[in-house]
């Protein structure tokens, strides 16, 4: 199948990440993929906004400055409005995840094996080093959230809370996303399954930071994630999605075929000033 040279939008939510944001942007912009780069400042009060404005002016990224801190999910939704490429991935503004691994997530899409791909920190592969976690409680919390997701939806994921989630852009825009914080992750997972999509996983490397470096996730976010998974497992479909989305979900569930041309950009191109 013919693979487009540019097929990826990268949304980078950032809240007070002046220490690492420029490094992340340099690495994303250096990729041969030439992705569309969208950076959203989620009410930052340090130098993050200045970095975004500089890269927008000189490197052609799309910058979104939110006046108040609304949460990771809210920042992603603000960035999603500007996403125009067939697929979208989330990149944290720290250096825990390496953008050089985007190709690993795109490979199953290019091969026609998947449309939704997660990068798993728990899968092993000879070419991916073993990952280590600074805090056992975060590792254990991720395992519990993943187990809950698998039990609720009859799935076999190894890393539900991973940041690296690759989706068809139109699919994300049709999900009627509601969660504004870290609960964005379980929401998109639950809704993808409810819409009939299989989630493919690939092993990735992970370099966690500690609390002194600005890590923002907390233990109670794991409890929140399980509640969101349960909620979106139980809510009737007619309350989750519009009628056209429900019809499309039934078609996906009834077929294992993936369109050779990738997802249709039914929303059309979005002009960005």
Protein backbone atom coordinates (compact mmCIF):
# COMPACT_ATOMS: atom_id res chain seq x y z
CA UNK A 1 0.00 0.00 0.00
CA UNK A 2 1.09 3.57 -0.60
CA UNK A 3 2.32 5.29 2.56
CA UNK A 4 2.07 9.06 2.76
CA UNK A 5 5.28 10.88 3.62
CA UNK A 6 3.48 12.89 6.29
CA UNK A 7 0.82 11.04 8.26
CA UNK A 8 1.23 12.03 11.90
CA UNK A 9 0.07 14.87 14.13
CA UNK A 10 1.91 15.10 17.47
CA UNK A 11 0.11 16.83 20.34
CA UNK A 12 2.39 17.93 23.19
CA UNK A 13 0.53 19.11 26.32
CA UNK A 14 2.83 21.14 28.56
CA UNK A 15 2.43 22.60 32.04
CA UNK A 16 5.53 24.39 33.34
CA UNK A 17 7.98 22.32 31.28
CA UNK A 18 10.56 24.98 30.40
CA UNK A 19 13.42 22.67 31.40
CA UNK A 20 12.71 20.00 28.80
CA UNK A 21 10.24 21.35 26.22
CA UNK A 22 12.82 22.74 23.79
CA UNK A 23 14.72 19.42 23.81
CA UNK A 24 11.54 17.48 23.09
CA UNK A 25 10.60 19.85 20.27
CA UNK A 26 14.07 19.63 18.70
CA UNK A 27 13.88 15.84 18.70
CA UNK A 28 10.35 15.72 17.27
CA UNK A 29 11.16 18.26 14.56
CA UNK A 30 14.30 16.31 13.58
CA UNK A 31 12.32 13.17 12.76
CA UNK A 32 12.28 12.07 9.10
CA UNK A 33 8.51 11.65 9.53
CA UNK A 34 8.11 15.45 9.42
CA UNK A 35 5.06 15.31 11.71
CA UNK A 36 2.67 18.16 12.34
CA UNK A 37 3.64 19.46 15.80
CA UNK A 38 1.03 21.00 18.10
CA UNK A 39 2.13 22.26 21.52
CA UNK A 40 -0.44 23.29 24.12
CA UNK A 41 0.56 25.29 27.18
CA UNK A 42 -1.89 24.30 29.90
CA UNK A 43 -1.81 27.50 31.93
CA UNK A 44 1.97 27.51 32.33
CA UNK A 45 3.52 30.21 34.49
CA UNK A 46 7.22 29.61 33.76
CA UNK A 47 9.01 30.08 30.43
CA UNK A 48 6.97 27.44 28.57
CA UNK A 49 4.84 30.00 26.72
CA UNK A 50 7.91 31.87 25.48
CA UNK A 51 9.41 28.64 24.14
CA UNK A 52 6.18 27.82 22.31
CA UNK A 53 5.98 31.28 20.75
CA UNK A 54 9.62 31.10 19.65
CA UNK A 55 9.19 27.69 17.98
CA UNK A 56 5.93 28.77 16.37
CA UNK A 57 7.61 31.84 14.92
CA UNK A 58 10.85 30.17 13.82
CA UNK A 59 10.12 26.46 13.36
CA UNK A 60 6.54 26.39 12.11
CA UNK A 61 4.88 24.49 14.94
CA UNK A 62 1.30 25.17 15.99
CA UNK A 63 1.16 26.75 19.43
CA UNK A 64 -1.88 26.95 21.69
CA UNK A 65 -1.68 29.01 24.89
CA UNK A 66 -4.39 28.27 27.49
CA UNK A 67 -4.83 31.01 30.09
CA UNK A 68 -5.67 28.62 32.92
CA UNK A 69 -4.62 25.11 33.86
CA UNK A 70 -7.39 22.79 32.71
CA UNK A 71 -5.60 19.43 32.92
CA UNK A 72 -3.85 17.12 30.46
CA UNK A 73 -7.05 15.99 28.79
CA UNK A 74 -8.24 19.56 28.31
CA UNK A 75 -4.90 20.50 26.74
CA UNK A 76 -5.05 17.52 24.38
CA UNK A 77 -8.57 18.45 23.31
CA UNK A 78 -7.41 22.02 22.65
CA UNK A 79 -4.63 20.65 20.44
CA UNK A 80 -6.83 18.10 18.70
CA UNK A 81 -8.84 20.91 17.12
CA UNK A 82 -5.75 21.73 15.02
CA UNK A 83 -4.74 18.14 14.10
CA UNK A 84 -4.94 17.60 10.33
CA UNK A 85 -2.88 14.47 9.68
CA UNK A 86 -4.46 10.98 9.42
CA UNK A 87 -3.05 9.77 12.77
CA UNK A 88 -2.43 11.50 16.09
CA UNK A 89 -0.11 10.60 18.96
CA UNK A 90 0.41 12.23 22.36
CA UNK A 91 3.95 13.19 23.40
CA UNK A 92 4.62 14.33 26.96
CA UNK A 93 6.73 17.48 27.26
CA UNK A 94 9.29 15.79 29.52
CA UNK A 95 11.90 13.28 28.39
CA UNK A 96 10.32 10.08 29.73
CA UNK A 97 9.26 8.94 26.24
CA UNK A 98 11.54 9.13 23.19
CA UNK A 99 9.87 10.50 20.03
CA UNK A 100 12.36 8.54 17.94
CA UNK A 101 10.07 5.57 18.70
CA UNK A 102 7.11 6.94 16.70
CA UNK A 103 8.04 4.64 13.82
CA UNK A 104 7.56 1.63 16.10
CA UNK A 105 3.92 2.62 16.61
CA UNK A 106 3.36 3.48 12.96
CA UNK A 107 4.77 0.19 11.65
CA UNK A 108 1.61 -1.88 12.42
CA UNK A 109 -0.49 0.84 10.77
CA UNK A 110 1.67 0.88 7.65
CA UNK A 111 1.52 -2.92 7.50
CA UNK A 112 -2.29 -2.82 7.68
CA UNK A 113 -2.38 -4.77 10.96
CA UNK A 114 -3.84 -2.08 13.23
CA UNK A 115 -5.35 1.37 13.47
CA UNK A 116 -5.00 1.95 17.21
CA UNK A 117 -1.52 1.29 18.62
CA UNK A 118 -0.16 1.67 22.17
CA UNK A 119 3.50 1.74 23.17
CA UNK A 120 3.92 -0.68 26.06
CA UNK A 121 6.58 -0.15 28.71
CA UNK A 122 6.05 -3.72 29.93
CA UNK A 123 6.58 -5.69 26.72
CA UNK A 124 10.09 -7.02 26.13
CA UNK A 125 11.92 -7.05 22.82
CA UNK A 126 15.58 -7.77 21.99
CA UNK A 127 16.01 -4.29 20.49
CA UNK A 128 14.30 -2.44 23.36
CA UNK A 129 16.11 -2.28 26.68
CA UNK A 130 14.40 -3.38 29.88
CA UNK A 131 12.56 -0.50 31.51
CA UNK A 132 12.88 0.47 35.16
CA UNK A 133 10.46 2.50 37.28
CA UNK A 134 11.64 4.89 40.02
CA UNK A 135 8.61 4.26 42.23
CA UNK A 136 7.16 0.81 42.82
CA UNK A 137 3.78 2.37 43.62
CA UNK A 138 3.52 3.83 40.11
CA UNK A 139 4.52 0.55 38.49
CA UNK A 140 2.04 -1.35 40.66
CA UNK A 141 -0.67 1.27 40.05
CA UNK A 142 -0.23 0.91 36.29
CA UNK A 143 -0.54 -2.86 36.61
CA UNK A 144 -3.77 -2.53 38.62
CA UNK A 145 -5.30 -0.08 36.12
CA UNK A 146 -4.34 -2.37 33.23
CA UNK A 147 -5.81 -5.40 35.01
CA UNK A 148 -9.05 -3.50 35.65
CA UNK A 149 -9.24 -2.51 31.98
CA UNK A 150 -8.69 -6.08 30.84
CA UNK A 151 -11.27 -7.51 33.23
CA UNK A 152 -13.91 -4.93 32.34
CA UNK A 153 -13.49 -5.25 28.58
CA UNK A 154 -12.20 -8.80 28.14
CA UNK A 155 -8.92 -7.54 26.68
CA UNK A 156 -5.24 -8.41 27.02
CA UNK A 157 -3.35 -5.13 27.29
CA UNK A 158 -0.02 -4.95 29.12
CA UNK A 159 0.16 -1.16 29.65
CA UNK A 160 -3.09 0.84 29.60
CA UNK A 161 -1.69 4.05 31.25
CA UNK A 162 1.10 4.49 28.68
CA UNK A 163 1.41 7.98 27.22
CA UNK A 164 2.08 6.64 23.73
CA UNK A 165 -1.36 6.10 22.26
CA UNK A 166 -1.68 6.32 18.46
CA UNK A 167 -5.18 6.87 17.06
CA UNK A 168 -6.73 7.75 13.72
CA UNK A 169 -7.34 11.48 14.05
CA UNK A 170 -11.01 11.29 12.96
CA UNK A 171 -11.62 8.60 15.58
CA UNK A 172 -10.37 10.84 18.39
CA UNK A 173 -12.53 13.69 17.10
CA UNK A 174 -15.61 11.46 17.07
CA UNK A 175 -15.18 10.17 20.62
CA UNK A 176 -16.97 13.09 22.30
CA UNK A 177 -14.10 13.36 24.78
CA UNK A 178 -15.05 14.61 28.25
CA UNK A 179 -12.19 13.90 30.65
CA UNK A 180 -9.98 16.90 31.28
CA UNK A 181 -7.17 15.45 33.38
CA UNK A 182 -5.04 12.31 33.36
CA UNK A 183 -8.32 10.39 33.05
CA UNK A 184 -8.11 11.17 29.32
CA UNK A 185 -6.13 7.92 28.97
CA UNK A 186 -8.73 5.47 30.32
CA UNK A 187 -11.47 7.39 28.51
CA UNK A 188 -9.94 6.92 25.05
CA UNK A 189 -9.11 3.30 25.84
CA UNK A 190 -12.65 2.50 26.95
CA UNK A 191 -14.26 4.33 24.06
CA UNK A 192 -11.98 2.69 21.47
CA UNK A 193 -13.05 -0.71 22.76
CA UNK A 194 -16.71 0.32 22.90
CA UNK A 195 -16.43 1.42 19.26
CA UNK A 196 -15.13 -2.00 18.27
CA UNK A 197 -11.43 -1.20 17.76
CA UNK A 198 -8.68 -3.59 18.74
CA UNK A 199 -5.66 -2.06 20.48
CA UNK A 200 -2.31 -3.28 19.19
CA UNK A 201 0.75 -2.94 21.44
CA UNK A 202 4.45 -2.58 20.62
CA UNK A 203 7.36 -2.52 23.09
CA UNK A 204 8.93 0.88 23.82
CA UNK A 205 11.75 2.21 25.98
CA UNK A 206 10.87 4.42 28.94
CA UNK A 207 13.05 6.71 31.07
CA UNK A 208 10.97 7.82 34.08
CA UNK A 209 11.65 11.03 35.96
CA UNK A 210 11.22 11.45 39.69
CA UNK A 211 9.18 13.88 41.76
CA UNK A 212 12.05 16.37 42.04
CA UNK A 213 12.08 16.63 38.24
CA UNK A 214 8.42 17.60 38.08
CA UNK A 215 6.55 14.32 37.74
CA UNK A 216 2.85 15.21 38.14
CA UNK A 217 0.99 11.87 38.27
CA UNK A 218 -0.17 10.81 41.74
CA UNK A 219 -1.54 7.60 43.25
CA UNK A 220 -5.12 8.84 43.34
CA UNK A 221 -5.06 9.22 39.56
CA UNK A 222 -5.04 5.40 39.40
CA UNK A 223 -8.27 5.22 41.39
CA UNK A 224 -9.76 7.83 39.08
CA UNK A 225 -8.68 5.80 36.03
CA UNK A 226 -10.46 2.67 37.28
CA UNK A 227 -13.63 4.68 37.93
CA UNK A 228 -13.52 6.12 34.39
CA UNK A 229 -13.03 2.65 32.89
CA UNK A 230 -15.99 1.33 34.89
CA UNK A 231 -18.16 4.32 33.96
CA UNK A 232 -17.52 4.02 30.24
CA UNK A 233 -18.01 0.26 30.38
CA UNK A 234 -21.50 0.67 31.85
CA UNK A 235 -22.88 3.77 30.12
CA UNK A 236 -25.30 2.81 27.31
CA UNK A 237 -23.96 3.35 23.79
CA UNK A 238 -26.70 5.80 22.88
CA UNK A 239 -25.48 8.11 25.67
CA UNK A 240 -21.84 7.81 24.62
CA UNK A 241 -21.92 8.34 20.88
CA UNK A 242 -24.03 9.96 18.18
CA UNK A 243 -26.05 7.70 15.87
CA UNK A 244 -23.54 7.91 12.96
CA UNK A 245 -20.68 6.99 15.29
CA UNK A 246 -22.68 4.04 16.66
CA UNK A 247 -23.32 2.79 13.12
CA UNK A 248 -19.64 3.12 12.27
CA UNK A 249 -18.69 1.28 15.49
CA UNK A 250 -20.94 -1.63 14.56
CA UNK A 251 -19.28 -1.81 11.15
CA UNK A 252 -15.83 -1.86 12.76
CA UNK A 253 -16.89 -4.57 15.22
CA UNK A 254 -18.27 -6.68 12.39
CA UNK A 255 -15.13 -6.52 10.28
CA UNK A 256 -11.43 -7.06 10.86
CA UNK A 257 -10.57 -5.24 7.65
CA UNK A 258 -8.52 -2.04 7.80
CA UNK A 259 -8.91 0.37 4.87
CA UNK A 260 -5.76 0.35 2.74
CA UNK A 261 -5.84 4.13 2.50
CA UNK A 262 -5.98 4.66 6.27
CA UNK A 263 -8.67 6.65 8.06
CA UNK A 264 -10.87 9.05 6.15
CA UNK A 265 -10.46 12.69 7.16
CA UNK A 266 -14.16 13.28 7.25
CA UNK A 267 -13.71 16.45 9.21
CA UNK A 268 -11.72 17.94 6.34
CA UNK A 269 -8.61 20.08 6.62
CA UNK A 270 -8.63 22.71 9.34
CA UNK A 271 -7.26 26.13 8.53
CA UNK A 272 -4.84 27.40 11.17
CA UNK A 273 -4.15 31.07 11.39
